[in-house]
C-alpha atoms as a PDB file:
ATOM      1  CA  UNK A   1     -26.599 -45.926 -18.689  1.00  0.00           C
ATOM      2  CA  UNK A   2     -23.872 -43.617 -17.381  1.00  0.00           C
ATOM      3  CA  UNK A   3     -21.324 -45.001 -14.937  1.00  0.00           C
ATOM      4  CA  UNK A   4     -19.584 -43.079 -12.148  1.00  0.00           C
ATOM      5  CA  UNK A   5     -16.602 -44.033 -10.030  1.00  0.00           C
ATOM      6  CA  UNK A   6     -14.360 -42.173  -7.595  1.00  0.00           C
ATOM      7  CA  UNK A   7     -10.853 -42.365  -9.012  1.00  0.00           C
ATOM      8  CA  UNK A   8      -7.433 -41.642  -7.512  1.00  0.00           C
ATOM      9  CA  UNK A   9      -8.692 -39.086  -5.018  1.00  0.00           C
ATOM     10  CA  UNK A  10      -5.803 -39.733  -2.648  1.00  0.00           C
ATOM     11  CA  UNK A  11      -2.309 -41.263  -3.064  1.00  0.00           C
ATOM     12  CA  UNK A  12      -3.086 -44.178  -0.734  1.00  0.00           C
ATOM     13  CA  UNK A  13      -5.757 -45.409  -3.141  1.00  0.00           C
ATOM     14  CA  UNK A  14      -3.136 -45.612  -5.884  1.00  0.00           C
ATOM     15  CA  UNK A  15      -0.564 -47.293  -3.632  1.00  0.00           C
ATOM     16  CA  UNK A  16      -2.998 -49.996  -2.483  1.00  0.00           C
ATOM     17  CA  UNK A  17      -4.193 -50.668  -6.031  1.00  0.00           C
ATOM     18  CA  UNK A  18      -0.604 -50.970  -7.272  1.00  0.00           C
ATOM     19  CA  UNK A  19       0.236 -53.336  -4.405  1.00  0.00           C
ATOM     20  CA  UNK A  20      -2.807 -55.540  -5.103  1.00  0.00           C
ATOM     21  CA  UNK A  21      -2.948 -55.535  -8.912  1.00  0.00           C
ATOM     22  CA  UNK A  22       0.298 -54.018 -10.132  1.00  0.00           C
ATOM     23  CA  UNK A  23      -1.754 -51.339 -11.892  1.00  0.00           C
ATOM     24  CA  UNK A  24      -2.978 -47.847 -11.112  1.00  0.00           C
ATOM     25  CA  UNK A  25      -6.758 -47.547 -10.607  1.00  0.00           C
ATOM     26  CA  UNK A  26      -7.021 -46.111 -14.121  1.00  0.00           C
ATOM     27  CA  UNK A  27      -4.891 -48.924 -15.523  1.00  0.00           C
ATOM     28  CA  UNK A  28      -7.106 -51.485 -13.788  1.00  0.00           C
ATOM     29  CA  UNK A  29     -10.255 -49.925 -15.224  1.00  0.00           C
ATOM     30  CA  UNK A  30      -8.634 -50.022 -18.646  1.00  0.00           C
ATOM     31  CA  UNK A  31      -7.810 -53.718 -18.263  1.00  0.00           C
ATOM     32  CA  UNK A  32     -11.440 -54.382 -17.311  1.00  0.00           C
ATOM     33  CA  UNK A  33     -12.728 -52.509 -20.370  1.00  0.00           C
ATOM     34  CA  UNK A  34     -14.467 -49.892 -18.238  1.00  0.00           C
ATOM     35  CA  UNK A  35     -12.962 -46.812 -19.863  1.00  0.00           C
ATOM     36  CA  UNK A  36     -15.666 -45.608 -22.258  1.00  0.00           C
ATOM     37  CA  UNK A  37     -17.466 -42.299 -22.950  1.00  0.00           C
ATOM     38  CA  UNK A  38     -20.203 -43.542 -20.598  1.00  0.00           C
ATOM     39  CA  UNK A  39     -17.832 -43.399 -17.644  1.00  0.00           C
ATOM     40  CA  UNK A  40     -17.381 -40.429 -15.332  1.00  0.00           C
ATOM     41  CA  UNK A  41     -14.360 -40.495 -13.033  1.00  0.00           C
ATOM     42  CA  UNK A  42     -14.848 -38.336  -9.947  1.00  0.00           C
ATOM     43  CA  UNK A  43     -11.868 -36.439  -8.469  1.00  0.00           C
ATOM     44  CA  UNK A  44      -9.117 -37.820 -10.772  1.00  0.00           C
ATOM     45  CA  UNK A  45      -6.587 -36.005  -8.606  1.00  0.00           C
ATOM     46  CA  UNK A  46      -3.461 -38.193  -8.614  1.00  0.00           C
ATOM     47  CA  UNK A  47      -2.896 -39.484 -12.144  1.00  0.00           C
ATOM     48  CA  UNK A  48       0.181 -40.631 -14.015  1.00  0.00           C
ATOM     49  CA  UNK A  49       0.977 -39.532 -17.552  1.00  0.00           C
ATOM     50  CA  UNK A  50      -0.225 -42.932 -18.759  1.00  0.00           C
ATOM     51  CA  UNK A  51      -3.478 -42.545 -16.800  1.00  0.00           C
ATOM     52  CA  UNK A  52      -4.187 -39.196 -18.433  1.00  0.00           C
ATOM     53  CA  UNK A  53      -3.568 -40.637 -21.892  1.00  0.00           C
ATOM     54  CA  UNK A  54      -5.883 -43.608 -21.241  1.00  0.00           C
ATOM     55  CA  UNK A  55      -8.695 -41.423 -19.881  1.00  0.00           C
ATOM     56  CA  UNK A  56      -8.372 -38.917 -22.721  1.00  0.00           C
ATOM     57  CA  UNK A  57      -8.292 -41.548 -25.447  1.00  0.00           C
ATOM     58  CA  UNK A  58     -11.415 -43.161 -23.977  1.00  0.00           C
ATOM     59  CA  UNK A  59     -13.316 -39.851 -23.943  1.00  0.00           C
ATOM     60  CA  UNK A  60     -14.399 -40.216 -20.323  1.00  0.00           C
ATOM     61  CA  UNK A  61     -15.834 -37.338 -18.297  1.00  0.00           C
ATOM     62  CA  UNK A  62     -13.656 -36.208 -15.396  1.00  0.00           C
ATOM     63  CA  UNK A  63     -15.788 -34.717 -12.628  1.00  0.00           C
ATOM     64  CA  UNK A  64     -13.693 -32.334 -10.560  1.00  0.00           C
ATOM     65  CA  UNK A  65     -14.726 -31.179  -7.084  1.00  0.00           C
ATOM     66  CA  UNK A  66     -12.305 -28.281  -6.428  1.00  0.00           C
ATOM     67  CA  UNK A  67     -13.735 -26.989  -3.149  1.00  0.00           C
ATOM     68  CA  UNK A  68     -13.843 -30.505  -1.697  1.00  0.00           C
ATOM     69  CA  UNK A  69     -10.283 -31.250  -2.791  1.00  0.00           C
ATOM     70  CA  UNK A  70      -9.196 -28.006  -1.119  1.00  0.00           C
ATOM     71  CA  UNK A  71     -11.158 -28.702   2.067  1.00  0.00           C
ATOM     72  CA  UNK A  72      -9.760 -32.230   2.426  1.00  0.00           C
ATOM     73  CA  UNK A  73      -6.269 -31.319   1.268  1.00  0.00           C
ATOM     74  CA  UNK A  74      -6.468 -33.934  -1.491  1.00  0.00           C
ATOM     75  CA  UNK A  75      -4.415 -31.992  -4.007  1.00  0.00           C
ATOM     76  CA  UNK A  76      -4.885 -30.378  -7.409  1.00  0.00           C
ATOM     77  CA  UNK A  77      -5.889 -32.642 -10.269  1.00  0.00           C
ATOM     78  CA  UNK A  78      -4.544 -32.329 -13.847  1.00  0.00           C
ATOM     79  CA  UNK A  79      -7.686 -30.765 -15.292  1.00  0.00           C
ATOM     80  CA  UNK A  80      -6.027 -28.911 -18.168  1.00  0.00           C
ATOM     81  CA  UNK A  81      -3.982 -31.927 -19.203  1.00  0.00           C
ATOM     82  CA  UNK A  82      -7.043 -34.187 -19.134  1.00  0.00           C
ATOM     83  CA  UNK A  83      -9.020 -31.758 -21.293  1.00  0.00           C
ATOM     84  CA  UNK A  84      -6.134 -31.474 -23.737  1.00  0.00           C
ATOM     85  CA  UNK A  85      -5.891 -35.276 -23.878  1.00  0.00           C
ATOM     86  CA  UNK A  86      -9.537 -35.588 -24.933  1.00  0.00           C
ATOM     87  CA  UNK A  87     -11.461 -36.026 -21.690  1.00  0.00           C
ATOM     88  CA  UNK A  88     -14.586 -33.988 -21.031  1.00  0.00           C
ATOM     89  CA  UNK A  89     -14.690 -31.992 -17.793  1.00  0.00           C
ATOM     90  CA  UNK A  90     -17.626 -31.539 -15.424  1.00  0.00           C
ATOM     91  CA  UNK A  91     -17.970 -30.167 -11.905  1.00  0.00           C
ATOM     92  CA  UNK A  92     -19.369 -31.593  -8.691  1.00  0.00           C
ATOM     93  CA  UNK A  93     -19.596 -30.588  -5.036  1.00  0.00           C
ATOM     94  CA  UNK A  94     -19.133 -34.037  -3.429  1.00  0.00           C
ATOM     95  CA  UNK A  95     -19.167 -33.379   0.339  1.00  0.00           C
ATOM     96  CA  UNK A  96     -20.961 -30.031  -0.127  1.00  0.00           C
ATOM     97  CA  UNK A  97     -18.300 -28.031   1.675  1.00  0.00           C
ATOM     98  CA  UNK A  98     -19.447 -25.338  -0.737  1.00  0.00           C
ATOM     99  CA  UNK A  99     -22.741 -25.426  -2.635  1.00  0.00           C
ATOM    100  CA  UNK A 100     -22.009 -22.972  -5.413  1.00  0.00           C
ATOM    101  CA  UNK A 101     -21.312 -24.067  -8.996  1.00  0.00           C
ATOM    102  CA  UNK A 102     -19.628 -20.763  -9.862  1.00  0.00           C
ATOM    103  CA  UNK A 103     -17.146 -21.142  -7.019  1.00  0.00           C
ATOM    104  CA  UNK A 104     -16.452 -24.693  -8.187  1.00  0.00           C
ATOM    105  CA  UNK A 105     -15.713 -23.384 -11.683  1.00  0.00           C
ATOM    106  CA  UNK A 106     -13.391 -20.719 -10.354  1.00  0.00           C
ATOM    107  CA  UNK A 107     -11.785 -23.297  -8.094  1.00  0.00           C
ATOM    108  CA  UNK A 108     -10.966 -25.339 -11.181  1.00  0.00           C
ATOM    109  CA  UNK A 109      -9.193 -22.366 -12.741  1.00  0.00           C
ATOM    110  CA  UNK A 110      -7.564 -21.324  -9.451  1.00  0.00           C
ATOM    111  CA  UNK A 111      -6.137 -24.800  -8.921  1.00  0.00           C
ATOM    112  CA  UNK A 112      -4.626 -24.756 -12.392  1.00  0.00           C
ATOM    113  CA  UNK A 113      -3.097 -21.338 -11.752  1.00  0.00           C
ATOM    114  CA  UNK A 114      -1.584 -22.462  -8.457  1.00  0.00           C
ATOM    115  CA  UNK A 115      -0.164 -25.634  -9.982  1.00  0.00           C
ATOM    116  CA  UNK A 116       1.227 -24.001 -13.111  1.00  0.00           C
ATOM    117  CA  UNK A 117       2.050 -20.474 -11.992  1.00  0.00           C
ATOM    118  CA  UNK A 118       0.137 -19.158 -15.011  1.00  0.00           C
ATOM    119  CA  UNK A 119      -3.198 -17.399 -15.452  1.00  0.00           C
ATOM    120  CA  UNK A 120      -5.963 -18.065 -17.940  1.00  0.00           C
ATOM    121  CA  UNK A 121      -5.713 -21.838 -17.909  1.00  0.00           C
ATOM    122  CA  UNK A 122      -9.408 -22.170 -18.781  1.00  0.00           C
ATOM    123  CA  UNK A 123     -11.273 -19.559 -20.777  1.00  0.00           C
ATOM    124  CA  UNK A 124     -14.721 -18.371 -19.578  1.00  0.00           C
ATOM    125  CA  UNK A 125     -16.440 -20.402 -22.359  1.00  0.00           C
ATOM    126  CA  UNK A 126     -14.538 -23.492 -21.233  1.00  0.00           C
ATOM    127  CA  UNK A 127     -15.627 -22.932 -17.635  1.00  0.00           C
ATOM    128  CA  UNK A 128     -19.216 -22.505 -18.832  1.00  0.00           C
ATOM    129  CA  UNK A 129     -18.857 -25.805 -20.672  1.00  0.00           C
ATOM    130  CA  UNK A 130     -17.905 -27.576 -17.435  1.00  0.00           C
ATOM    131  CA  UNK A 131     -20.951 -26.026 -15.734  1.00  0.00           C
ATOM    132  CA  UNK A 132     -23.379 -27.073 -18.472  1.00  0.00           C
ATOM    133  CA  UNK A 133     -22.638 -29.560 -21.239  1.00  0.00           C
ATOM    134  CA  UNK A 134     -20.089 -31.433 -19.142  1.00  0.00           C
ATOM    135  CA  UNK A 135     -22.707 -32.167 -16.510  1.00  0.00           C
ATOM    136  CA  UNK A 136     -25.251 -33.346 -19.075  1.00  0.00           C
ATOM    137  CA  UNK A 137     -22.689 -35.728 -20.555  1.00  0.00           C
ATOM    138  CA  UNK A 138     -21.809 -37.103 -17.131  1.00  0.00           C
ATOM    139  CA  UNK A 139     -25.473 -37.761 -16.338  1.00  0.00           C
ATOM    140  CA  UNK A 140     -26.185 -39.331 -19.726  1.00  0.00           C
ATOM    141  CA  UNK A 141     -28.639 -36.566 -20.650  1.00  0.00           C
ATOM    142  CA  UNK A 142     -27.238 -35.733 -24.064  1.00  0.00           C
ATOM    143  CA  UNK A 143     -25.399 -32.572 -24.972  1.00  0.00           C
ATOM    144  CA  UNK A 144     -27.668 -29.932 -23.411  1.00  0.00           C
ATOM    145  CA  UNK A 145     -27.390 -26.368 -24.616  1.00  0.00           C
ATOM    146  CA  UNK A 146     -29.851 -24.053 -26.353  1.00  0.00           C
ATOM    147  CA  UNK A 147     -31.043 -26.243 -29.191  1.00  0.00           C
ATOM    148  CA  UNK A 148     -34.187 -27.998 -30.382  1.00  0.00           C
ATOM    149  CA  UNK A 149     -34.790 -31.185 -28.423  1.00  0.00           C
ATOM    150  CA  UNK A 150     -32.546 -30.237 -25.499  1.00  0.00           C
ATOM    151  CA  UNK A 151     -33.746 -30.001 -21.928  1.00  0.00           C
ATOM    152  CA  UNK A 152     -35.084 -26.526 -21.183  1.00  0.00           C
ATOM    153  CA  UNK A 153     -32.861 -25.941 -18.162  1.00  0.00           C
ATOM    154  CA  UNK A 154     -31.962 -22.308 -17.549  1.00  0.00           C
ATOM    155  CA  UNK A 155     -30.356 -20.218 -14.823  1.00  0.00           C
ATOM    156  CA  UNK A 156     -31.092 -16.499 -14.735  1.00  0.00           C
ATOM    157  CA  UNK A 157     -28.407 -14.319 -13.151  1.00  0.00           C
ATOM    158  CA  UNK A 158     -28.584 -10.852 -11.674  1.00  0.00           C
ATOM    159  CA  UNK A 159     -26.098  -8.860 -13.743  1.00  0.00           C
ATOM    160  CA  UNK A 160     -26.343  -5.764 -11.543  1.00  0.00           C
ATOM    161  CA  UNK A 161     -25.071  -7.102  -8.203  1.00  0.00           C
ATOM    162  CA  UNK A 162     -21.868  -5.811  -6.602  1.00  0.00           C
ATOM    163  CA  UNK A 163     -20.135  -8.882  -8.056  1.00  0.00           C
ATOM    164  CA  UNK A 164     -21.528  -8.863 -11.594  1.00  0.00           C
ATOM    165  CA  UNK A 165     -22.164  -5.194 -12.442  1.00  0.00           C
ATOM    166  CA  UNK A 166     -20.064  -4.122 -15.415  1.00  0.00           C
ATOM    167  CA  UNK A 167     -19.178  -7.685 -16.410  1.00  0.00           C
ATOM    168  CA  UNK A 168     -19.916  -8.953 -19.885  1.00  0.00           C
ATOM    169  CA  UNK A 169     -21.873 -12.203 -20.418  1.00  0.00           C
ATOM    170  CA  UNK A 170     -18.672 -14.134 -21.088  1.00  0.00           C
ATOM    171  CA  UNK A 171     -17.160 -12.853 -17.832  1.00  0.00           C
ATOM    172  CA  UNK A 172     -19.977 -14.010 -15.551  1.00  0.00           C
ATOM    173  CA  UNK A 173     -18.430 -17.427 -14.749  1.00  0.00           C
ATOM    174  CA  UNK A 174     -15.468 -15.543 -13.262  1.00  0.00           C
ATOM    175  CA  UNK A 175     -17.433 -13.118 -11.088  1.00  0.00           C
ATOM    176  CA  UNK A 176     -20.906 -14.481 -10.243  1.00  0.00           C
ATOM    177  CA  UNK A 177     -21.816 -16.607  -7.238  1.00  0.00           C
ATOM    178  CA  UNK A 178     -24.894 -18.599  -6.289  1.00  0.00           C
ATOM    179  CA  UNK A 179     -26.187 -15.466  -4.551  1.00  0.00           C
ATOM    180  CA  UNK A 180     -26.634 -13.891  -7.991  1.00  0.00           C
ATOM    181  CA  UNK A 181     -29.053 -16.584  -9.196  1.00  0.00           C
ATOM    182  CA  UNK A 182     -32.527 -15.088  -9.648  1.00  0.00           C
ATOM    183  CA  UNK A 183     -34.426 -17.966 -11.226  1.00  0.00           C
ATOM    184  CA  UNK A 184     -33.803 -21.652 -11.911  1.00  0.00           C
ATOM    185  CA  UNK A 185     -35.803 -23.400 -14.638  1.00  0.00           C
ATOM    186  CA  UNK A 186     -35.653 -27.195 -14.984  1.00  0.00           C
ATOM    187  CA  UNK A 187     -37.421 -28.933 -17.842  1.00  0.00           C
ATOM    188  CA  UNK A 188     -39.322 -25.745 -18.633  1.00  0.00           C
ATOM    189  CA  UNK A 189     -40.629 -25.309 -15.068  1.00  0.00           C
ATOM    190  CA  UNK A 190     -39.570 -22.576 -12.652  1.00  0.00           C
ATOM    191  CA  UNK A 191     -38.118 -24.408  -9.655  1.00  0.00           C
ATOM    192  CA  UNK A 192     -36.683 -21.510  -7.682  1.00  0.00           C
ATOM    193  CA  UNK A 193     -37.145 -17.753  -7.787  1.00  0.00           C
ATOM    194  CA  UNK A 194     -35.402 -15.031  -5.766  1.00  0.00           C
ATOM    195  CA  UNK A 195     -33.849 -17.526  -3.356  1.00  0.00           C
ATOM    196  CA  UNK A 196     -37.033 -19.496  -2.652  1.00  0.00           C
ATOM    197  CA  UNK A 197     -38.317 -22.818  -3.936  1.00  0.00           C
ATOM    198  CA  UNK A 198     -41.521 -22.319  -5.895  1.00  0.00           C
ATOM    199  CA  UNK A 199     -43.473 -25.546  -5.304  1.00  0.00           C
ATOM    200  CA  UNK A 200     -43.872 -26.208  -2.509  1.00  0.00           C
ATOM    201  CA  UNK A 201     -42.900 -22.689  -1.482  1.00  0.00           C
ATOM    202  CA  UNK A 202     -40.004 -22.933   0.937  1.00  0.00           C
ATOM    203  CA  UNK A 203     -36.739 -21.348   1.938  1.00  0.00           C
ATOM    204  CA  UNK A 204     -33.862 -23.793   1.208  1.00  0.00           C
ATOM    205  CA  UNK A 205     -31.941 -22.556   4.257  1.00  0.00           C
ATOM    206  CA  UNK A 206     -34.910 -23.329   6.519  1.00  0.00           C
ATOM    207  CA  UNK A 207     -35.276 -26.816   5.007  1.00  0.00           C
ATOM    208  CA  UNK A 208     -31.563 -27.501   5.443  1.00  0.00           C
ATOM    209  CA  UNK A 209     -31.659 -26.251   9.032  1.00  0.00           C
ATOM    210  CA  UNK A 210     -34.574 -28.559   9.817  1.00  0.00           C
ATOM    211  CA  UNK A 211     -32.781 -31.528   8.257  1.00  0.00           C
ATOM    212  CA  UNK A 212     -29.608 -30.831  10.233  1.00  0.00           C
ATOM    213  CA  UNK A 213     -31.672 -30.511  13.403  1.00  0.00           C
ATOM    214  CA  UNK A 214     -33.157 -33.964  12.814  1.00  0.00           C
ATOM    215  CA  UNK A 215     -29.682 -35.418  12.240  1.00  0.00           C
ATOM    216  CA  UNK A 216     -28.546 -34.051  15.608  1.00  0.00           C
ATOM    217  CA  UNK A 217     -31.474 -35.595  17.459  1.00  0.00           C
ATOM    218  CA  UNK A 218     -32.973 -39.015  18.105  1.00  0.00           C
ATOM    219  CA  UNK A 219     -36.712 -39.780  18.000  1.00  0.00           C
ATOM    220  CA  UNK A 220     -38.174 -40.466  21.444  1.00  0.00           C
ATOM    221  CA  UNK A 221     -39.555 -44.023  21.162  1.00  0.00           C
ATOM    222  CA  UNK A 222     -42.271 -43.240  23.734  1.00  0.00           C
ATOM    223  CA  UNK A 223     -43.260 -40.050  21.935  1.00  0.00           C
ATOM    224  CA  UNK A 224     -42.348 -40.057  18.192  1.00  0.00           C
ATOM    225  CA  UNK A 225     -43.211 -36.365  17.955  1.00  0.00           C
ATOM    226  CA  UNK A 226     -40.394 -35.523  20.387  1.00  0.00           C
ATOM    227  CA  UNK A 227     -36.723 -35.305  19.430  1.00  0.00           C
ATOM    228  CA  UNK A 228     -33.949 -35.939  21.951  1.00  0.00           C
ATOM    229  CA  UNK A 229     -30.526 -34.269  21.371  1.00  0.00           C
ATOM    230  CA  UNK A 230     -27.782 -36.763  20.553  1.00  0.00           C
ATOM    231  CA  UNK A 231     -24.740 -36.901  22.807  1.00  0.00           C
ATOM    232  CA  UNK A 232     -21.678 -35.435  21.148  1.00  0.00           C
ATOM    233  CA  UNK A 233     -18.246 -36.999  21.468  1.00  0.00           C
END
């Protein structure tokens, strides 16, 4: 079974762990024998050189959430150094500040550029790897990819939008957004087509709006079919 843990998202987490155990969170996980290829560490933002070496040697998956880190002001994690040390990279959205895997991938590259002052830190194939095989590894679903025995999960992109027109296949991770997704196939079944869920047919934006509406209201105990707006602080 895969294991997931939030790791060193903010400096205070490291400071408290050092004060309590005399070890960084990564060092503590190492002492406990938890650093294995089954483990995914989420965020991995504030790591020491020793942390990076431990995580890379163990072959863990580091799940970066670039748009969340930016929204919360957490910082820029050492993605390139982790990959070079032997860790696998994957992408997540965490608080869903942005729900767009392509923007997460570009956020990974943008963070590296800002931190290093250099471009081309991750190649398009490497970014595609974080969007595909990295996620499968993190979820314990094998290697993924187009091969016999793999899950038939596909995403069809519109290559003629104002963002993608003229781009080659290897350039799509650097230009496409979720708005360019035409069809999503999971396990050989079409799940979404042209912005709508297929079964049951629904608009995701409408479903999300309804869910948010319910969160902002309380059920009337005398009339369960009626929702009462919650008071806001």
